[in-house]
Amino acid sequence: MVDTSELQRQEKLLLALDNIPLSTSYAKIEAFFHPTALRGILKSVDYGALKATEVEIYSVADREVVLEEL
């Protein structure tokens, strides 16, 4: 049986990683994700250099549709 909650956490983490500016240092990324990786990213929180307020959480299927529309 597939653990859907784990899949959702992975989707959120991958989407957050997709939205990190290339100029962000590895140390900032590591410090940011260590305590929050399992909870995902909250849009209502300003995470500083990572700009997580700009991150919208899509399912994998929704992301494919959005990418096709661009």
PDB file of N, CA and C in Angstrom:
ATOM      1  N   MET A   1       0.833  -1.186   0.000  1.00  0.00           N
ATOM      2  CA  MET A   1       0.000   0.000   0.000  1.00  0.00           C
ATOM      3  C   MET A   1       0.883   1.257   0.000  1.00  0.00           C
ATOM      4  N   VAL A   2       0.521   2.246  -0.793  1.00  0.00           N
ATOM      5  CA  VAL A   2       1.304   3.467  -0.932  1.00  0.00           C
ATOM      6  C   VAL A   2       0.941   4.451   0.171  1.00  0.00           C
ATOM      7  N   ASP A   3       1.944   5.037   0.793  1.00  0.00           N
ATOM      8  CA  ASP A   3       1.739   6.054   1.825  1.00  0.00           C
ATOM      9  C   ASP A   3       1.558   7.399   1.126  1.00  0.00           C
ATOM     10  N   THR A   4       0.302   7.846   0.986  1.00  0.00           N
ATOM     11  CA  THR A   4       0.033   9.083   0.249  1.00  0.00           C
ATOM     12  C   THR A   4       0.555  10.311   0.980  1.00  0.00           C
ATOM     13  N   SER A   5       0.595  10.284   2.297  1.00  0.00           N
ATOM     14  CA  SER A   5       1.109  11.448   3.021  1.00  0.00           C
ATOM     15  C   SER A   5       2.595  11.645   2.725  1.00  0.00           C
ATOM     16  N   GLU A   6       3.331  10.561   2.589  1.00  0.00           N
ATOM     17  CA  GLU A   6       4.754  10.669   2.252  1.00  0.00           C
ATOM     18  C   GLU A   6       4.924  11.215   0.836  1.00  0.00           C
ATOM     19  N   LEU A   7       4.078  10.771  -0.090  1.00  0.00           N
ATOM     20  CA  LEU A   7       4.145  11.292  -1.461  1.00  0.00           C
ATOM     21  C   LEU A   7       3.855  12.785  -1.491  1.00  0.00           C
ATOM     22  N   GLN A   8       2.869  13.226  -0.719  1.00  0.00           N
ATOM     23  CA  GLN A   8       2.533  14.646  -0.665  1.00  0.00           C
ATOM     24  C   GLN A   8       3.692  15.460  -0.101  1.00  0.00           C
ATOM     25  N   ARG A   9       4.354  14.948   0.920  1.00  0.00           N
ATOM     26  CA  ARG A   9       5.508  15.657   1.489  1.00  0.00           C
ATOM     27  C   ARG A   9       6.621  15.761   0.453  1.00  0.00           C
ATOM     28  N   GLN A  10       6.835  14.697  -0.308  1.00  0.00           N
ATOM     29  CA  GLN A  10       7.876  14.723  -1.333  1.00  0.00           C
ATOM     30  C   GLN A  10       7.543  15.735  -2.421  1.00  0.00           C
ATOM     31  N   GLU A  11       6.263  15.793  -2.827  1.00  0.00           N
ATOM     32  CA  GLU A  11       5.844  16.753  -3.844  1.00  0.00           C
ATOM     33  C   GLU A  11       6.102  18.177  -3.367  1.00  0.00           C
ATOM     34  N   LYS A  12       5.747  18.470  -2.121  1.00  0.00           N
ATOM     35  CA  LYS A  12       5.949  19.814  -1.586  1.00  0.00           C
ATOM     36  C   LYS A  12       7.430  20.152  -1.510  1.00  0.00           C
ATOM     37  N   LEU A  13       8.224  19.200  -1.091  1.00  0.00           N
ATOM     38  CA  LEU A  13       9.658  19.437  -0.982  1.00  0.00           C
ATOM     39  C   LEU A  13      10.273  19.678  -2.353  1.00  0.00           C
ATOM     40  N   LEU A  14       9.888  18.871  -3.348  1.00  0.00           N
ATOM     41  CA  LEU A  14      10.432  19.046  -4.689  1.00  0.00           C
ATOM     42  C   LEU A  14      10.000  20.372  -5.286  1.00  0.00           C
ATOM     43  N   LEU A  15       8.747  20.773  -5.048  1.00  0.00           N
ATOM     44  CA  LEU A  15       8.281  22.048  -5.574  1.00  0.00           C
ATOM     45  C   LEU A  15       9.026  23.197  -4.912  1.00  0.00           C
ATOM     46  N   ALA A  16       9.259  23.083  -3.624  1.00  0.00           N
ATOM     47  CA  ALA A  16      10.019  24.122  -2.931  1.00  0.00           C
ATOM     48  C   ALA A  16      11.434  24.205  -3.481  1.00  0.00           C
ATOM     49  N   LEU A  17      12.049  23.070  -3.722  1.00  0.00           N
ATOM     50  CA  LEU A  17      13.403  23.060  -4.280  1.00  0.00           C
ATOM     51  C   LEU A  17      13.429  23.694  -5.662  1.00  0.00           C
ATOM     52  N   ASP A  18      12.372  23.474  -6.452  1.00  0.00           N
ATOM     53  CA  ASP A  18      12.286  24.070  -7.784  1.00  0.00           C
ATOM     54  C   ASP A  18      12.271  25.593  -7.724  1.00  0.00           C
ATOM     55  N   ASN A  19      11.803  26.155  -6.609  1.00  0.00           N
ATOM     56  CA  ASN A  19      11.606  27.596  -6.501  1.00  0.00           C
ATOM     57  C   ASN A  19      12.697  28.329  -5.727  1.00  0.00           C
ATOM     58  N   ILE A  20      13.745  27.646  -5.353  1.00  0.00           N
ATOM     59  CA  ILE A  20      14.843  28.295  -4.637  1.00  0.00           C
ATOM     60  C   ILE A  20      15.720  29.040  -5.639  1.00  0.00           C
ATOM     61  N   PRO A  21      15.990  30.318  -5.394  1.00  0.00           N
ATOM     62  CA  PRO A  21      16.881  31.056  -6.298  1.00  0.00           C
ATOM     63  C   PRO A  21      18.261  30.403  -6.362  1.00  0.00           C
ATOM     64  N   LEU A  22      18.863  30.407  -7.534  1.00  0.00           N
ATOM     65  CA  LEU A  22      20.172  29.779  -7.704  1.00  0.00           C
ATOM     66  C   LEU A  22      21.248  30.438  -6.852  1.00  0.00           C
ATOM     67  N   SER A  23      21.043  31.683  -6.478  1.00  0.00           N
ATOM     68  CA  SER A  23      22.044  32.401  -5.687  1.00  0.00           C
ATOM     69  C   SER A  23      22.002  32.048  -4.199  1.00  0.00           C
ATOM     70  N   THR A  24      21.028  31.259  -3.778  1.00  0.00           N
ATOM     71  CA  THR A  24      20.911  30.895  -2.367  1.00  0.00           C
ATOM     72  C   THR A  24      21.996  29.893  -1.995  1.00  0.00           C
ATOM     73  N   SER A  25      22.690  30.160  -0.907  1.00  0.00           N
ATOM     74  CA  SER A  25      23.786  29.274  -0.504  1.00  0.00           C
ATOM     75  C   SER A  25      23.257  27.945   0.017  1.00  0.00           C
ATOM     76  N   TYR A  26      24.091  26.913  -0.110  1.00  0.00           N
ATOM     77  CA  TYR A  26      23.711  25.589   0.386  1.00  0.00           C
ATOM     78  C   TYR A  26      23.432  25.625   1.883  1.00  0.00           C
ATOM     79  N   ALA A  27      24.205  26.400   2.635  1.00  0.00           N
ATOM     80  CA  ALA A  27      24.013  26.476   4.089  1.00  0.00           C
ATOM     81  C   ALA A  27      22.618  26.994   4.430  1.00  0.00           C
ATOM     82  N   LYS A  28      22.134  27.998   3.686  1.00  0.00           N
ATOM     83  CA  LYS A  28      20.789  28.524   3.929  1.00  0.00           C
ATOM     84  C   LYS A  28      19.731  27.478   3.587  1.00  0.00           C
ATOM     85  N   ILE A  29      19.939  26.767   2.494  1.00  0.00           N
ATOM     86  CA  ILE A  29      18.985  25.730   2.099  1.00  0.00           C
ATOM     87  C   ILE A  29      18.935  24.633   3.153  1.00  0.00           C
ATOM     88  N   GLU A  30      20.097  24.186   3.591  1.00  0.00           N
ATOM     89  CA  GLU A  30      20.162  23.125   4.595  1.00  0.00           C
ATOM     90  C   GLU A  30      19.501  23.569   5.897  1.00  0.00           C
ATOM     91  N   ALA A  31      19.786  24.785   6.344  1.00  0.00           N
ATOM     92  CA  ALA A  31      19.204  25.294   7.584  1.00  0.00           C
ATOM     93  C   ALA A  31      17.690  25.433   7.463  1.00  0.00           C
ATOM     94  N   PHE A  32      17.224  25.802   6.280  1.00  0.00           N
ATOM     95  CA  PHE A  32      15.794  25.985   6.060  1.00  0.00           C
ATOM     96  C   PHE A  32      15.037  24.661   6.063  1.00  0.00           C
ATOM     97  N   PHE A  33      15.550  23.673   5.340  1.00  0.00           N
ATOM     98  CA  PHE A  33      14.806  22.430   5.189  1.00  0.00           C
ATOM     99  C   PHE A  33      14.941  21.471   6.353  1.00  0.00           C
ATOM    100  N   HIS A  34      15.992  21.589   7.126  1.00  0.00           N
ATOM    101  CA  HIS A  34      16.172  20.624   8.217  1.00  0.00           C
ATOM    102  C   HIS A  34      14.961  20.548   9.149  1.00  0.00           C
ATOM    103  N   PRO A  35      14.461  21.649   9.687  1.00  0.00           N
ATOM    104  CA  PRO A  35      13.325  21.520  10.610  1.00  0.00           C
ATOM    105  C   PRO A  35      11.964  21.439   9.929  1.00  0.00           C
ATOM    106  N   THR A  36      11.888  21.771   8.635  1.00  0.00           N
ATOM    107  CA  THR A  36      10.574  21.895   8.013  1.00  0.00           C
ATOM    108  C   THR A  36      10.294  20.901   6.905  1.00  0.00           C
ATOM    109  N   ALA A  37      11.242  20.085   6.540  1.00  0.00           N
ATOM    110  CA  ALA A  37      11.077  19.221   5.368  1.00  0.00           C
ATOM    111  C   ALA A  37       9.847  18.332   5.459  1.00  0.00           C
ATOM    112  N   LEU A  38       9.554  17.827   6.619  1.00  0.00           N
ATOM    113  CA  LEU A  38       8.418  16.925   6.742  1.00  0.00           C
ATOM    114  C   LEU A  38       7.089  17.666   6.774  1.00  0.00           C
ATOM    115  N   ARG A  39       7.118  18.946   7.071  1.00  0.00           N
ATOM    116  CA  ARG A  39       5.880  19.716   7.133  1.00  0.00           C
ATOM    117  C   ARG A  39       5.588  20.450   5.841  1.00  0.00           C
ATOM    118  N   GLY A  40       6.560  20.545   4.956  1.00  0.00           N
ATOM    119  CA  GLY A  40       6.354  21.268   3.717  1.00  0.00           C
ATOM    120  C   GLY A  40       6.537  22.765   3.908  1.00  0.00           C
ATOM    121  N   ILE A  41       6.099  23.517   2.940  1.00  0.00           N
ATOM    122  CA  ILE A  41       6.308  24.955   2.919  1.00  0.00           C
ATOM    123  C   ILE A  41       4.972  25.655   3.136  1.00  0.00           C
ATOM    124  N   LEU A  42       4.961  26.650   4.011  1.00  0.00           N
ATOM    125  CA  LEU A  42       3.750  27.422   4.262  1.00  0.00           C
ATOM    126  C   LEU A  42       3.804  28.705   3.440  1.00  0.00           C
ATOM    127  N   LYS A  43       2.777  28.947   2.633  1.00  0.00           N
ATOM    128  CA  LYS A  43       2.762  30.142   1.798  1.00  0.00           C
ATOM    129  C   LYS A  43       2.697  31.417   2.623  1.00  0.00           C
ATOM    130  N   SER A  44       2.106  31.339   3.811  1.00  0.00           N
ATOM    131  CA  SER A  44       1.889  32.538   4.611  1.00  0.00           C
ATOM    132  C   SER A  44       3.125  32.996   5.374  1.00  0.00           C
ATOM    133  N   VAL A  45       4.214  32.253   5.283  1.00  0.00           N
ATOM    134  CA  VAL A  45       5.419  32.568   6.045  1.00  0.00           C
ATOM    135  C   VAL A  45       6.491  33.111   5.112  1.00  0.00           C
ATOM    136  N   ASP A  46       7.147  34.187   5.517  1.00  0.00           N
ATOM    137  CA  ASP A  46       8.258  34.736   4.745  1.00  0.00           C
ATOM    138  C   ASP A  46       9.543  34.084   5.235  1.00  0.00           C
ATOM    139  N   TYR A  47      10.153  33.263   4.396  1.00  0.00           N
ATOM    140  CA  TYR A  47      11.360  32.538   4.770  1.00  0.00           C
ATOM    141  C   TYR A  47      12.632  33.259   4.330  1.00  0.00           C
ATOM    142  N   GLY A  48      12.544  34.543   4.114  1.00  0.00           N
ATOM    143  CA  GLY A  48      13.739  35.307   3.760  1.00  0.00           C
ATOM    144  C   GLY A  48      14.178  35.038   2.338  1.00  0.00           C
ATOM    145  N   ALA A  49      15.440  34.691   2.181  1.00  0.00           N
ATOM    146  CA  ALA A  49      16.033  34.540   0.851  1.00  0.00           C
ATOM    147  C   ALA A  49      15.340  33.488   0.004  1.00  0.00           C
ATOM    148  N   LEU A  50      14.658  32.552   0.642  1.00  0.00           N
ATOM    149  CA  LEU A  50      14.022  31.484  -0.129  1.00  0.00           C
ATOM    150  C   LEU A  50      12.698  31.915  -0.748  1.00  0.00           C
ATOM    151  N   LYS A  51      12.130  33.015  -0.283  1.00  0.00           N
ATOM    152  CA  LYS A  51      10.902  33.568  -0.863  1.00  0.00           C
ATOM    153  C   LYS A  51       9.786  32.529  -0.959  1.00  0.00           C
ATOM    154  N   ALA A  52       9.547  31.810   0.096  1.00  0.00           N
ATOM    155  CA  ALA A  52       8.541  30.756   0.076  1.00  0.00           C
ATOM    156  C   ALA A  52       7.135  31.303  -0.094  1.00  0.00           C
ATOM    157  N   THR A  53       6.927  32.600   0.132  1.00  0.00           N
ATOM    158  CA  THR A  53       5.599  33.163  -0.082  1.00  0.00           C
ATOM    159  C   THR A  53       5.196  33.089  -1.543  1.00  0.00           C
ATOM    160  N   GLU A  54       6.158  32.923  -2.433  1.00  0.00           N
ATOM    161  CA  GLU A  54       5.858  32.809  -3.856  1.00  0.00           C
ATOM    162  C   GLU A  54       5.558  31.375  -4.276  1.00  0.00           C
ATOM    163  N   VAL A  55       5.750  30.430  -3.385  1.00  0.00           N
ATOM    164  CA  VAL A  55       5.581  29.019  -3.723  1.00  0.00           C
ATOM    165  C   VAL A  55       4.114  28.641  -3.630  1.00  0.00           C
ATOM    166  N   GLU A  56       3.592  28.059  -4.680  1.00  0.00           N
ATOM    167  CA  GLU A  56       2.247  27.506  -4.644  1.00  0.00           C
ATOM    168  C   GLU A  56       2.373  26.002  -4.736  1.00  0.00           C
ATOM    169  N   ILE A  57       1.609  25.322  -3.901  1.00  0.00           N
ATOM    170  CA  ILE A  57       1.708  23.873  -3.855  1.00  0.00           C
ATOM    171  C   ILE A  57       0.728  23.263  -4.858  1.00  0.00           C
ATOM    172  N   TYR A  58       1.266  22.565  -5.816  1.00  0.00           N
ATOM    173  CA  TYR A  58       0.467  21.851  -6.801  1.00  0.00           C
ATOM    174  C   TYR A  58       0.721  20.355  -6.642  1.00  0.00           C
ATOM    175  N   SER A  59      -0.236  19.571  -7.006  1.00  0.00           N
ATOM    176  CA  SER A  59       0.041  18.140  -7.112  1.00  0.00           C
ATOM    177  C   SER A  59       0.886  17.941  -8.366  1.00  0.00           C
ATOM    178  N   VAL A  60       1.459  16.797  -8.527  1.00  0.00           N
ATOM    179  CA  VAL A  60       2.275  16.532  -9.713  1.00  0.00           C
ATOM    180  C   VAL A  60       1.435  16.696 -10.974  1.00  0.00           C
ATOM    181  N   ALA A  61       0.211  16.196 -10.958  1.00  0.00           N
ATOM    182  CA  ALA A  61      -0.661  16.309 -12.133  1.00  0.00           C
ATOM    183  C   ALA A  61      -0.974  17.765 -12.435  1.00  0.00           C
ATOM    184  N   ASP A  62      -1.295  18.554 -11.416  1.00  0.00           N
ATOM    185  CA  ASP A  62      -1.585  19.968 -11.616  1.00  0.00           C
ATOM    186  C   ASP A  62      -0.373  20.701 -12.174  1.00  0.00           C
ATOM    187  N   ARG A  63       0.814  20.354 -11.695  1.00  0.00           N
ATOM    188  CA  ARG A  63       2.025  21.003 -12.191  1.00  0.00           C
ATOM    189  C   ARG A  63       2.206  20.723 -13.672  1.00  0.00           C
ATOM    190  N   GLU A  64       1.907  19.495 -14.104  1.00  0.00           N
ATOM    191  CA  GLU A  64       2.045  19.169 -15.520  1.00  0.00           C
ATOM    192  C   GLU A  64       1.087  20.012 -16.354  1.00  0.00           C
ATOM    193  N   VAL A  65      -0.139  20.188 -15.883  1.00  0.00           N
ATOM    194  CA  VAL A  65      -1.121  20.996 -16.604  1.00  0.00           C
ATOM    195  C   VAL A  65      -0.647  22.441 -16.679  1.00  0.00           C
ATOM    196  N   VAL A  66      -0.167  22.970 -15.568  1.00  0.00           N
ATOM    197  CA  VAL A  66       0.320  24.344 -15.541  1.00  0.00           C
ATOM    198  C   VAL A  66       1.485  24.520 -16.504  1.00  0.00           C
ATOM    199  N   LEU A  67       2.417  23.577 -16.508  1.00  0.00           N
ATOM    200  CA  LEU A  67       3.565  23.678 -17.403  1.00  0.00           C
ATOM    201  C   LEU A  67       3.143  23.617 -18.864  1.00  0.00           C
ATOM    202  N   GLU A  68       2.132  22.810 -19.174  1.00  0.00           N
ATOM    203  CA  GLU A  68       1.651  22.710 -20.550  1.00  0.00           C
ATOM    204  C   GLU A  68       1.003  24.011 -21.001  1.00  0.00           C
ATOM    205  N   GLU A  69       0.400  24.756 -20.055  1.00  0.00           N
ATOM    206  CA  GLU A  69      -0.282  25.998 -20.396  1.00  0.00           C
ATOM    207  C   GLU A  69       0.686  27.149 -20.635  1.00  0.00           C
ATOM    208  N   LEU A  70       1.924  27.022 -20.176  1.00  0.00           N
ATOM    209  CA  LEU A  70       2.901  28.116 -20.327  1.00  0.00           C
ATOM    210  C   LEU A  70       3.414  28.220 -21.744  1.00  0.00           C
TER     211      LEU A  70
END
